[in-house]
Protein backbone atom coordinates (compact mmCIF):
# COMPACT_ATOMS: atom_id res chain seq x y z
CA MET A 1 0.07 0.45 0.20
CA LEU A 2 1.40 3.32 -1.06
CA SER A 3 1.52 6.58 0.96
CA LEU A 4 -1.16 8.31 -1.10
CA PHE A 5 -4.26 10.18 0.14
CA ASP A 6 -6.74 11.43 -2.71
CA LYS A 7 -10.27 11.62 -1.05
CA GLY A 8 -12.32 12.54 -4.24
CA PRO A 9 -11.93 15.94 -6.03
CA PRO A 10 -12.09 19.16 -4.94
CA PRO A 11 -15.46 21.49 -6.06
CA SER A 12 -14.51 23.28 -9.41
CA CYS A 13 -13.92 26.81 -9.18
CA PRO A 14 -15.83 29.31 -11.19
CA PRO A 15 -14.66 30.08 -14.79
CA GLN A 16 -15.32 33.84 -13.90
CA PHE A 17 -14.02 34.44 -10.78
CA ASN A 18 -12.34 37.30 -7.93
CA LEU A 19 -10.78 36.39 -4.67
CA ALA A 20 -11.91 39.98 -2.96
CA ALA A 21 -15.16 39.25 -4.25
CA TYR A 22 -15.73 35.83 -3.07
CA GLY A 23 -14.02 37.09 0.12
CA LEU A 24 -16.43 39.44 0.71
CA ARG A 25 -19.45 37.86 -0.82
CA HIS A 26 -21.44 37.84 2.31
CA SER A 27 -21.37 41.61 1.98
CA THR A 28 -24.73 40.85 0.01
CA GLU A 29 -26.65 38.30 2.35
CA THR A 30 -25.55 39.96 5.58
CA PRO A 31 -24.51 43.63 5.17
CA ALA A 32 -24.86 45.01 8.70
CA LYS A 33 -23.63 42.00 10.23
CA THR A 34 -20.23 42.45 11.93
CA ALA A 35 -17.31 41.15 9.58
CA LEU A 36 -14.14 42.66 11.75
CA GLU A 37 -13.62 43.91 15.34
CA LEU A 38 -10.24 45.85 16.53
CA VAL A 39 -10.17 44.76 20.19
CA GLY A 40 -8.05 45.86 22.69
CA GLY A 41 -7.23 49.80 22.11
CA PRO A 42 -8.75 52.65 23.72
CA HIS A 43 -11.66 52.13 21.21
CA GLN A 44 -13.72 49.17 19.74
CA ILE A 45 -13.77 49.51 16.37
CA ILE A 46 -16.32 47.69 14.29
CA TRP A 47 -16.35 47.09 10.37
CA SER A 48 -19.69 45.56 9.21
CA TYR A 49 -19.85 43.75 5.96
CA ARG A 50 -21.52 46.32 3.97
CA GLN A 51 -18.51 48.85 5.28
CA LEU A 52 -15.94 46.59 4.58
CA GLU A 53 -16.69 45.69 0.96
CA GLN A 54 -17.55 49.68 0.29
CA ALA A 55 -14.11 50.75 1.80
CA VAL A 56 -12.29 47.75 -0.48
CA LEU A 57 -14.22 48.78 -3.87
CA ALA A 58 -13.31 52.45 -3.16
CA THR A 59 -9.69 51.86 -2.34
CA GLY A 60 -9.48 49.76 -5.84
CA ALA A 61 -11.22 53.00 -7.51
CA GLY A 62 -8.60 55.20 -6.28
CA LEU A 63 -6.06 53.05 -7.15
CA LEU A 64 -7.12 52.93 -10.52
CA ASP A 65 -7.40 56.68 -10.38
CA ARG A 66 -3.77 57.00 -9.88
CA GLY A 67 -3.00 55.76 -13.17
CA LEU A 68 -2.39 52.17 -11.65
CA ARG A 69 -3.86 49.36 -14.35
CA PRO A 70 -4.54 45.57 -14.17
CA GLY A 71 -1.59 43.68 -13.74
CA ASP A 72 0.29 46.30 -12.08
CA LEU A 73 2.69 44.91 -8.95
CA VAL A 74 1.60 47.41 -5.94
CA LEU A 75 4.23 46.68 -2.94
CA LEU A 76 2.62 46.93 0.55
CA ARG A 77 4.59 48.52 3.45
CA LEU A 78 2.10 48.78 6.08
CA GLY A 79 1.82 47.84 9.99
CA HIS A 80 -0.71 46.36 11.68
CA SER A 81 -3.61 48.31 10.87
CA VAL A 82 -6.84 47.41 8.73
CA ASP A 83 -5.20 49.63 5.81
CA PHE A 84 -3.66 46.37 5.04
CA PRO A 85 -6.32 44.05 4.22
CA LEU A 86 -8.30 47.08 2.42
CA SER A 87 -5.26 47.52 0.50
CA PHE A 88 -4.83 43.67 -0.23
CA LEU A 89 -8.34 43.28 -1.22
CA GLY A 90 -8.78 46.63 -3.06
CA ALA A 91 -5.58 45.86 -5.15
CA ILE A 92 -7.10 42.45 -6.20
CA ALA A 93 -10.87 43.56 -6.41
CA VAL A 94 -9.86 45.56 -9.75
CA GLY A 95 -7.06 43.47 -10.93
CA LEU A 96 -4.11 44.68 -9.64
CA VAL A 97 -1.38 42.46 -7.74
CA PRO A 98 -0.06 43.33 -4.39
CA VAL A 99 2.88 41.78 -2.72
CA PRO A 100 2.51 42.03 0.95
CA CYS A 101 5.51 41.22 2.80
CA ALA A 102 6.63 41.34 6.79
CA ALA A 103 6.69 44.94 8.59
CA GLN A 104 9.95 43.65 10.12
CA LEU A 105 12.00 43.93 7.00
CA THR A 106 14.72 46.49 7.23
CA GLU A 107 15.33 49.11 4.37
CA VAL A 108 18.13 46.26 2.80
CA GLU A 109 15.71 43.60 2.73
CA THR A 110 13.31 45.78 1.02
CA ALA A 111 15.51 47.40 -1.14
CA LYS A 112 16.22 44.05 -2.66
CA ILE A 113 12.35 43.40 -2.96
CA ILE A 114 11.64 46.66 -4.89
CA HIS A 115 14.81 45.77 -7.39
CA ASP A 116 13.31 42.56 -8.06
CA LEU A 117 10.12 43.44 -8.42
CA ALA A 118 10.11 46.98 -10.12
CA PRO A 119 6.66 47.69 -8.68
CA ALA A 120 4.07 50.30 -10.32
CA ALA A 121 3.25 51.75 -6.93
CA ILE A 122 4.45 51.38 -2.89
CA ILE A 123 1.78 51.98 -0.57
CA HIS A 124 3.52 53.03 2.24
CA ASP A 125 3.47 53.59 6.03
CA PRO A 126 6.02 55.93 7.18
CA LYS A 127 6.59 54.05 10.46
CA ILE A 128 7.73 51.19 8.20
CA ALA A 129 10.86 50.33 6.95
CA CYS A 130 11.41 51.29 3.12
CA LEU A 131 12.91 53.00 0.33
CA ALA A 132 10.03 54.19 -0.81
CA THR A 133 10.84 57.80 -1.35
CA GLU A 134 14.18 57.56 -2.79
CA HIS A 135 13.02 54.79 -5.39
CA ALA A 136 10.03 56.89 -6.10
CA ALA A 137 12.04 59.80 -7.00
CA ASN A 138 14.21 57.71 -9.50
CA THR A 139 11.66 55.33 -11.31
CA ALA A 140 8.34 55.37 -12.74
CA CYS A 141 7.29 54.21 -9.33
CA GLN A 142 4.72 56.12 -7.43
CA THR A 143 4.60 56.08 -3.62
CA ILE A 144 0.99 56.22 -2.06
CA ASP A 145 1.19 57.44 1.53
CA LEU A 146 -1.54 56.69 4.56
CA ALA A 147 -3.39 60.14 3.89
CA ALA A 148 -3.78 59.41 0.09
CA LEU A 149 -4.66 56.08 0.70
CA ARG A 150 -7.18 56.36 3.16
CA ASP A 151 -8.51 59.51 1.41
CA MET A 152 -9.84 56.89 -1.21
CA ARG A 153 -12.44 55.06 0.88
CA HIS A 154 -14.60 58.35 0.12
CA ALA A 155 -14.54 57.54 -3.47
CA PRO A 156 -17.47 55.82 -5.64
CA PRO A 157 -16.87 52.40 -5.70
CA ALA A 158 -15.07 50.19 -8.42
CA ALA A 159 -16.82 47.05 -9.58
CA TYR A 160 -15.19 43.63 -9.20
CA LEU A 161 -12.75 42.68 -12.31
CA TYR A 162 -13.67 39.18 -13.06
CA GLY A 163 -11.53 37.00 -14.77
CA ASP A 164 -9.63 33.52 -14.93
CA PRO A 165 -9.40 31.97 -11.39
CA ASN A 166 -5.96 30.92 -12.55
CA ARG A 167 -4.55 34.63 -12.89
CA LEU A 168 -1.97 36.19 -10.89
CA ALA A 169 -3.79 37.68 -7.63
CA TYR A 170 -0.84 38.37 -5.45
CA ILE A 171 2.59 37.47 -4.51
CA VAL A 172 4.31 36.52 -1.30
CA TYR A 173 7.81 35.87 -0.20
CA THR A 174 9.33 32.92 1.23
CA SER A 175 12.92 32.05 2.54
CA GLY A 176 14.60 30.09 -0.59
CA THR A 177 16.92 27.23 0.21
CA SER A 178 19.89 29.19 -2.20
CA GLY A 179 19.55 32.27 0.91
CA THR A 180 17.90 34.62 -1.60
CA PRO A 181 13.96 34.65 -0.66
CA ARG A 182 11.92 33.91 -3.42
CA ALA A 183 8.50 35.83 -4.98
CA VAL A 184 5.92 33.02 -4.88
CA MET A 185 2.90 33.58 -7.38
CA HIS A 186 -0.58 33.13 -6.21
CA ALA A 187 -3.94 32.98 -8.19
CA HIS A 188 -6.88 33.74 -7.48
CA ARG A 189 -8.59 30.63 -7.20
CA VAL A 190 -6.19 30.29 -3.83
CA ILE A 191 -9.14 31.43 -2.25
CA TRP A 192 -11.55 28.96 -3.64
CA ALA A 193 -9.07 25.90 -2.12
CA ARG A 194 -9.69 26.99 1.40
CA GLN A 195 -13.01 25.65 1.57
CA MET A 196 -11.34 22.42 1.86
CA MET A 197 -9.58 23.54 5.14
CA GLY A 198 -13.28 24.38 6.84
CA PRO A 199 -14.64 20.90 7.75
CA ASP A 200 -11.15 19.41 7.96
CA TRP A 201 -9.13 22.01 10.10
CA THR A 202 -10.95 25.35 11.01
CA ASP A 203 -14.51 24.24 11.22
CA ILE A 204 -15.68 28.05 10.77
CA HIS A 205 -19.36 28.63 10.71
CA SER A 206 -21.29 32.15 10.30
CA THR A 207 -21.93 32.42 13.87
CA ASP A 208 -18.60 31.84 15.10
CA ARG A 209 -16.25 34.92 16.50
CA LEU A 210 -12.53 34.43 15.49
CA LEU A 211 -9.56 36.03 17.18
CA HIS A 212 -6.49 35.82 15.62
CA ALA A 213 -3.67 36.84 17.79
CA GLY A 214 -1.33 37.94 14.52
CA ALA A 215 -0.52 41.00 13.21
CA PHE A 216 -2.78 42.06 9.90
CA ASN A 217 0.06 41.83 7.63
CA TRP A 218 1.54 38.22 8.33
CA THR A 219 -0.15 35.67 5.74
CA TYR A 220 -1.29 33.56 8.33
CA THR A 221 -3.25 36.22 9.75
CA LEU A 222 -4.58 36.91 6.10
CA GLY A 223 -5.89 33.59 5.43
CA THR A 224 -7.01 32.21 8.85
CA GLY A 225 -7.81 35.27 10.86
CA LEU A 226 -9.95 36.99 7.69
CA LEU A 227 -10.26 35.28 4.53
CA ASP A 228 -11.87 32.75 6.45
CA PRO A 229 -14.08 33.99 8.77
CA TRP A 230 -15.44 36.22 5.82
CA ARG A 231 -15.89 33.73 3.80
CA CYS A 232 -18.04 31.86 5.75
CA GLY A 233 -19.60 35.08 6.83
CA ALA A 234 -18.52 34.84 10.59
CA THR A 235 -16.89 37.68 12.34
CA ALA A 236 -12.89 38.20 12.50
CA ILE A 237 -11.52 39.72 16.10
CA ILE A 238 -7.92 41.38 15.71
CA SER A 239 -6.11 42.26 18.70
CA GLU A 240 -4.46 46.19 18.23
CA THR A 241 -2.25 45.33 20.77
CA LEU A 242 0.08 42.87 19.34
CA GLY A 243 2.69 40.71 21.87
CA ASP A 244 0.34 41.56 24.98
CA VAL A 245 -0.33 38.09 26.55
CA ALA A 246 -2.37 39.52 29.33
CA SER A 247 -4.83 41.36 26.51
CA LEU A 248 -5.20 37.97 24.98
CA ARG A 249 -6.40 36.18 27.96
CA GLN A 250 -8.84 38.86 28.33
CA LEU A 251 -10.25 39.21 24.96
CA LEU A 252 -10.76 35.68 24.76
CA ASP A 253 -12.79 35.89 27.75
CA GLN A 254 -14.61 39.56 27.31
CA HIS A 255 -15.52 39.24 23.84
CA GLU A 256 -16.83 35.78 23.50
CA ILE A 257 -14.31 34.24 21.40
CA THR A 258 -15.44 31.24 20.02
CA ILE A 259 -12.07 30.39 17.82
CA PHE A 260 -9.11 31.41 18.88
CA ALA A 261 -5.98 31.15 16.38
CA ALA A 262 -2.28 31.28 16.72
CA ALA A 263 1.40 30.26 16.52
CA PRO A 264 2.57 27.85 19.15
CA GLY A 265 4.52 30.31 20.69
CA VAL A 266 1.80 32.38 21.59
CA PHE A 267 -0.05 29.25 23.29
CA ARG A 268 3.27 28.97 25.03
CA LYS A 269 3.20 32.35 26.53
CA ILE A 270 -0.68 32.37 27.56
CA LEU A 271 0.02 29.29 29.66
CA THR A 272 3.33 30.25 31.28
CA ASP A 273 1.43 31.28 34.51
CA GLU A 274 -0.22 28.29 34.84
CA THR A 275 -3.54 30.39 35.13
CA ILE A 276 -7.04 28.46 34.64
CA LEU A 277 -8.59 29.92 31.70
CA LYS A 278 -12.45 29.83 32.30
CA LEU A 279 -13.60 30.04 28.44
CA PRO A 280 -16.82 29.26 28.16
CA LYS A 281 -17.72 30.49 24.39
CA LEU A 282 -14.50 29.17 23.62
CA ARG A 283 -15.34 25.63 20.77
CA HIS A 284 -11.48 25.28 19.80
CA ALA A 285 -8.24 26.63 19.00
CA LEU A 286 -5.99 26.69 15.45
CA SER A 287 -2.67 26.28 15.52
CA ALA A 288 0.09 26.96 12.40
CA GLY A 289 3.33 28.09 11.51
CA GLU A 290 5.31 25.34 13.08
CA LYS A 291 5.20 22.26 14.63
CA MET A 292 3.37 22.34 17.58
CA PRO A 293 4.14 20.05 20.38
CA ASP A 294 1.83 17.35 21.79
CA THR A 295 2.99 18.60 25.27
CA LEU A 296 1.49 21.89 24.67
CA GLN A 297 -1.66 20.97 22.78
CA ASN A 298 -2.11 18.55 26.14
CA ALA A 299 -1.38 21.68 28.19
CA TRP A 300 -3.80 23.94 26.25
CA ARG A 301 -6.23 21.41 26.84
CA ALA A 302 -6.11 21.04 30.58
CA THR A 303 -6.17 24.56 31.29
CA THR A 304 -9.16 25.73 29.00
CA GLY A 305 -10.72 22.58 28.30
CA CYS A 306 -10.59 22.83 24.55
CA PRO A 307 -8.68 21.32 22.04
CA VAL A 308 -6.35 22.73 19.91
CA TYR A 309 -6.21 21.70 16.00
CA GLU A 310 -3.02 22.12 14.05
CA ALA A 311 -2.74 22.70 10.27
CA TYR A 312 0.56 22.26 8.38
CA GLY A 313 1.51 24.01 5.18
CA MET A 314 3.89 26.22 3.21
CA SER A 315 3.66 29.97 1.38
CA GLU A 316 3.60 27.95 -1.64
CA CYS A 317 0.10 25.88 -0.74
CA SER A 318 -1.19 27.27 2.57
CA THR A 319 -2.34 24.56 4.66
CA PHE A 320 -3.27 21.08 3.34
CA ILE A 321 -2.67 18.78 6.19
CA SER A 322 -4.46 19.15 9.14
CA ALA A 323 -6.28 18.06 12.35
CA SER A 324 -10.20 18.95 12.80
CA PRO A 325 -12.95 18.07 15.35
CA ALA A 326 -14.20 15.63 13.10
CA HIS A 327 -10.77 14.07 12.39
CA PRO A 328 -8.49 15.16 15.38
CA ALA A 329 -4.77 14.09 14.93
CA ARG A 330 -2.99 10.92 17.00
CA PRO A 331 -0.46 11.46 19.19
CA GLY A 332 2.73 12.26 17.49
CA THR A 333 0.67 13.25 14.14
CA LEU A 334 0.01 16.41 12.31
CA GLY A 335 -3.71 14.72 11.07
CA ARG A 336 -4.42 13.93 7.91
CA PRO A 337 -4.88 15.50 4.20
CA GLN A 338 -7.67 17.45 3.60
CA THR A 339 -10.63 15.98 2.00
CA GLY A 340 -10.41 17.31 -1.52
CA ARG A 341 -6.84 16.89 -1.86
CA ARG A 342 -4.24 14.42 -3.26
CA VAL A 343 -0.98 14.34 -0.83
CA ALA A 344 1.74 11.56 -0.92
CA ILE A 345 4.93 10.68 1.05
CA VAL A 346 7.30 10.41 -1.78
CA ASP A 347 11.01 9.50 -2.91
CA ALA A 348 12.70 10.21 -6.32
CA ASP A 349 10.56 7.65 -8.13
CA GLY A 350 7.35 8.66 -6.18
CA PRO A 351 4.78 7.61 -3.49
CA VAL A 352 6.99 5.10 -0.95
CA ALA A 353 5.10 2.17 0.88
CA VAL A 354 2.90 3.02 4.12
CA GLY A 355 5.18 3.79 7.16
CA THR A 356 8.08 4.37 5.10
CA LYS A 357 9.82 7.74 5.86
CA GLY A 358 9.70 10.39 2.58
CA MET A 359 8.96 13.77 1.75
CA ILE A 360 5.69 15.49 2.16
CA ALA A 361 4.30 16.15 -1.30
CA VAL A 362 1.34 17.44 -2.63
CA SER A 363 -0.08 17.27 -6.23
CA ARG A 364 0.95 19.82 -8.50
CA HIS A 365 -3.12 20.29 -9.89
CA ASP A 366 -3.97 21.56 -5.84
CA GLN A 367 -6.28 24.31 -6.38
CA GLY A 368 -4.25 26.33 -3.62
CA LEU A 369 -0.90 25.58 -4.90
CA MET A 370 1.21 28.53 -6.33
CA LEU A 371 1.47 29.40 -10.15
CA GLY A 372 5.52 29.10 -9.53
CA TYR A 373 8.14 31.43 -9.11
CA ARG A 374 8.72 34.75 -10.12
CA HIS A 375 11.30 34.95 -12.64
CA GLU A 376 11.43 31.15 -13.30
CA ASN A 377 9.62 31.23 -16.16
CA GLY A 378 6.47 30.26 -13.84
CA ALA A 379 7.52 26.64 -13.58
CA LEU A 380 7.12 24.71 -10.67
CA ARG A 381 10.03 23.25 -9.41
CA ARG A 382 10.75 20.22 -6.82
CA LEU A 383 8.14 17.67 -9.02
CA VAL A 384 8.69 14.22 -8.74
CA ALA A 385 7.00 12.23 -11.36
CA ASP A 386 5.90 15.33 -13.19
CA GLU A 387 2.92 14.67 -10.70
CA TRP A 388 4.23 15.49 -6.76
CA PHE A 389 5.50 19.27 -5.68
CA VAL A 390 7.94 18.40 -3.10
CA THR A 391 7.50 20.65 0.16
CA GLY A 392 11.17 20.11 1.84
CA ASP A 393 9.92 18.31 5.07
CA GLN A 394 9.85 14.73 5.45
CA GLY A 395 7.00 12.43 6.87
CA ILE A 396 5.79 8.97 7.55
CA MET A 397 2.12 8.11 6.58
CA ASP A 398 0.02 5.48 8.38
CA GLN A 399 -2.61 3.39 6.44
CA ASP A 400 -5.25 5.74 7.83
CA GLY A 401 -3.78 8.74 6.03
CA GLN A 402 -2.14 10.50 9.41
CA ILE A 403 0.91 11.60 9.13
CA GLU A 404 4.07 12.04 11.17
CA TYR A 405 6.12 15.05 10.93
CA CYS A 406 9.69 13.95 10.56
CA GLY A 407 11.63 17.38 10.05
CA ARG A 408 13.21 19.43 7.24
CA ALA A 409 15.14 17.50 4.56
CA ASP A 410 17.22 20.77 3.93
CA ASP A 411 18.56 23.42 6.81
CA ILE A 412 15.34 25.71 6.47
CA MET A 413 14.60 26.81 10.07
CA THR A 414 11.21 28.15 11.31
CA ALA A 415 11.14 31.39 13.57
CA GLY A 416 7.92 32.94 15.22
CA GLY A 417 5.95 31.25 12.41
CA TYR A 418 8.12 32.25 9.28
CA ARG A 419 10.37 30.10 7.32
CA VAL A 420 14.31 31.63 7.57
CA SER A 421 17.09 30.58 5.23
CA PRO A 422 20.66 30.31 7.11
CA LEU A 423 22.45 31.26 4.15
CA GLU A 424 20.20 34.57 4.05
CA VAL A 425 21.42 34.99 7.94
CA GLU A 426 24.95 34.05 7.42
CA SER A 427 25.14 36.23 4.08
CA ALA A 428 24.34 39.38 6.23
CA LEU A 429 26.43 38.13 8.96
CA ARG A 430 29.49 38.10 6.95
CA LEU A 431 29.10 41.71 6.66
CA TYR A 432 30.48 42.31 10.11
CA PRO A 433 34.11 43.04 10.70
CA ASN A 434 36.06 40.26 12.16
CA ILE A 435 33.37 37.32 12.34
CA GLY A 436 35.54 34.98 10.38
CA ASP A 437 33.31 31.89 9.25
CA VAL A 438 30.15 31.90 10.35
CA ALA A 439 27.41 29.14 10.51
CA VAL A 440 23.68 29.50 11.45
CA THR A 441 21.05 26.90 13.10
CA GLU A 442 18.25 26.38 15.52
CA VAL A 443 19.09 25.28 18.82
CA GLU A 444 16.81 23.92 21.64
CA VAL A 445 17.10 26.34 24.64
CA LYS A 446 14.56 24.55 26.78
CA PRO A 447 12.27 21.71 25.69
CA GLN A 448 10.41 22.41 22.54
CA VAL A 449 11.81 25.79 22.57
CA PHE A 450 13.96 26.65 19.71
CA VAL A 451 15.95 29.70 18.52
CA ILE A 452 18.29 30.73 16.11
CA ALA A 453 22.05 30.75 16.78
CA ALA A 454 25.20 31.78 15.11
CA PHE A 455 28.30 29.96 15.31
CA HIS A 456 31.57 31.96 14.42
CA THR A 457 35.17 31.51 14.19
CA GLY A 458 36.74 35.35 14.47
CA ALA A 459 39.80 35.89 16.51
CA ALA A 460 37.98 36.88 19.55
CA ASP A 461 34.19 36.49 20.74
CA LEU A 462 32.11 39.38 19.41
CA ASP A 463 30.89 42.33 21.76
CA HIS A 464 27.55 40.94 21.22
CA VAL A 465 25.62 44.04 21.61
CA VAL A 466 27.39 46.25 18.92
CA VAL A 467 26.92 42.97 16.12
CA LYS A 468 23.02 42.91 17.24
CA ARG A 469 22.86 46.67 16.58
CA PHE A 470 24.43 45.92 13.12
CA VAL A 471 22.12 42.97 12.26
CA LYS A 472 19.19 45.01 13.23
CA THR A 473 19.86 46.90 10.20
CA GLN A 474 20.13 44.03 8.31
CA LEU A 475 17.72 41.53 8.89
CA ALA A 476 14.15 41.82 10.15
CA GLN A 477 13.81 40.53 13.80
CA TYR A 478 12.50 37.37 13.07
CA LYS A 479 15.53 36.53 11.31
CA GLN A 480 17.96 37.64 14.02
CA PRO A 481 20.21 35.37 15.77
CA ARG A 482 19.22 35.41 19.50
CA LEU A 483 22.36 33.52 20.65
CA TYR A 484 26.38 34.26 19.52
CA ILE A 485 28.57 31.58 20.13
CA HIS A 486 32.14 31.72 19.37
CA ILE A 487 34.14 28.24 18.47
CA CYS A 488 37.37 27.24 17.13
CA ARG A 489 36.15 25.89 13.46
CA LEU A 490 33.19 25.15 11.80
CA PRO A 491 32.38 21.47 11.65
CA THR A 492 32.11 20.40 7.62
CA GLY A 493 32.22 17.12 5.67
CA PRO A 494 34.46 15.92 3.23
CA ASN A 495 32.47 18.36 0.93
CA ASN A 496 33.40 20.72 2.99
CA LYS A 497 29.10 21.35 3.65
CA ILE A 498 28.68 22.53 7.00
CA MET A 499 27.33 20.10 9.41
CA ARG A 500 24.46 22.11 11.28
CA HIS A 501 23.33 19.04 13.10
CA LYS A 502 27.16 19.01 15.14
CA LEU A 503 26.90 22.38 15.48
CA ARG A 504 23.07 21.98 17.48
CA ASP A 505 25.61 19.02 19.29
CA TYR A 506 28.13 21.05 20.25
CA TYR A 507 25.60 23.54 22.10
CA LYS A 508 23.60 20.98 23.97
CA ALA A 509 26.90 19.85 25.29
CA SER A 510 28.45 23.01 26.45
CA ALA A 511 24.83 24.57 27.32
């Protein structure tokens, strides 16, 4: 029996389609219902479905009035505010291609993206690092500031631009194994594919109130925290105070949250004071971004009385393996592929036998799979047997389709829900004087808690305060090493490749 899970075809996407229109379709059915609540700040802010759609379509009209045309790329350099989803959906509604990226990126990192994209416009919050003004002064690219963006909401709304569901909708960046971030191109159909997550992960209904702990401009928040509730006619709730664990505990109780979504690190922080959380309205929680330990899942259930369901995915295909109320994951597993997905564990020749370790792969025909990487001719890479897109993660599938996660097959790290290439971090660190040879990997600082550590061979140890100050100018916070460890030499193999597992062993032995 092969490690292949295929439970029927997914529903067919309509031939004329628009991601934003599908995501906001409940604005017609329940226009007065609350679509979005911003909580935790001095004043609670409420957006109805009608208000949300009007603001999205007015934003789209305003972007077209600035001379932008369907197919143009629009870089979003926005912080944690409702400006982000309105810009993202407003651009998509009228056929523009938004490119969201993490607010934590530095000017150096942003400059590389701008050079790579050559966007037609940059929507820029001045609080967010970006060389937008300098770039716009020397190119055809225009900069749209927050004041101009918000003025657009008073314009007459545009109409949705419908078309082929396979056309480009938006681009996101992900860490590449080469050390250079790669531009992942997604089609309008990607939101249609999210239907498969409903029964087999999120279990969202129109009566739910979903609180997501992430920032607006994180793709996990955008998908699970906003688009999923909206496409189901539910209410999305976002905290204005990011990182405030005490505030999250209060919000879960005071705002009658029925579903809570976060990365594993947030769950861990909420549970640190061992307070029993009485949340009678909470049905379950959702976790994604990185593997959640069984011990943490058990601790959450013991503290809240509610289960947490985990999902596995990637920037190229969002989540496609998960646990759910109908199909809980067995201990030690991620869950099983969602109904409508075709997923396998493969080697170089295709699916392997059940119980055999291999690479987790998803069908290249999956409606949620990316179109390809920009500047790579749109072709899918990492294909096995012309059918399977390989994720880079290893797993074992049992006879029921449950999949055990066995770690990465390469050196990609996970930090705060983001995947980070050690090569990208090393490249930035080598710019620091007298650092010597340098290698980066994840180390376990306490049970199930991993951080990025940089091992360096300079003649002397570094001044950690100074090097951290330098790294802040080069890398987003989630990419920055937490530890700097002086070592005599880096362990390498016969082909001079760095043996990162030996660095982890060295840290463990010396800790």
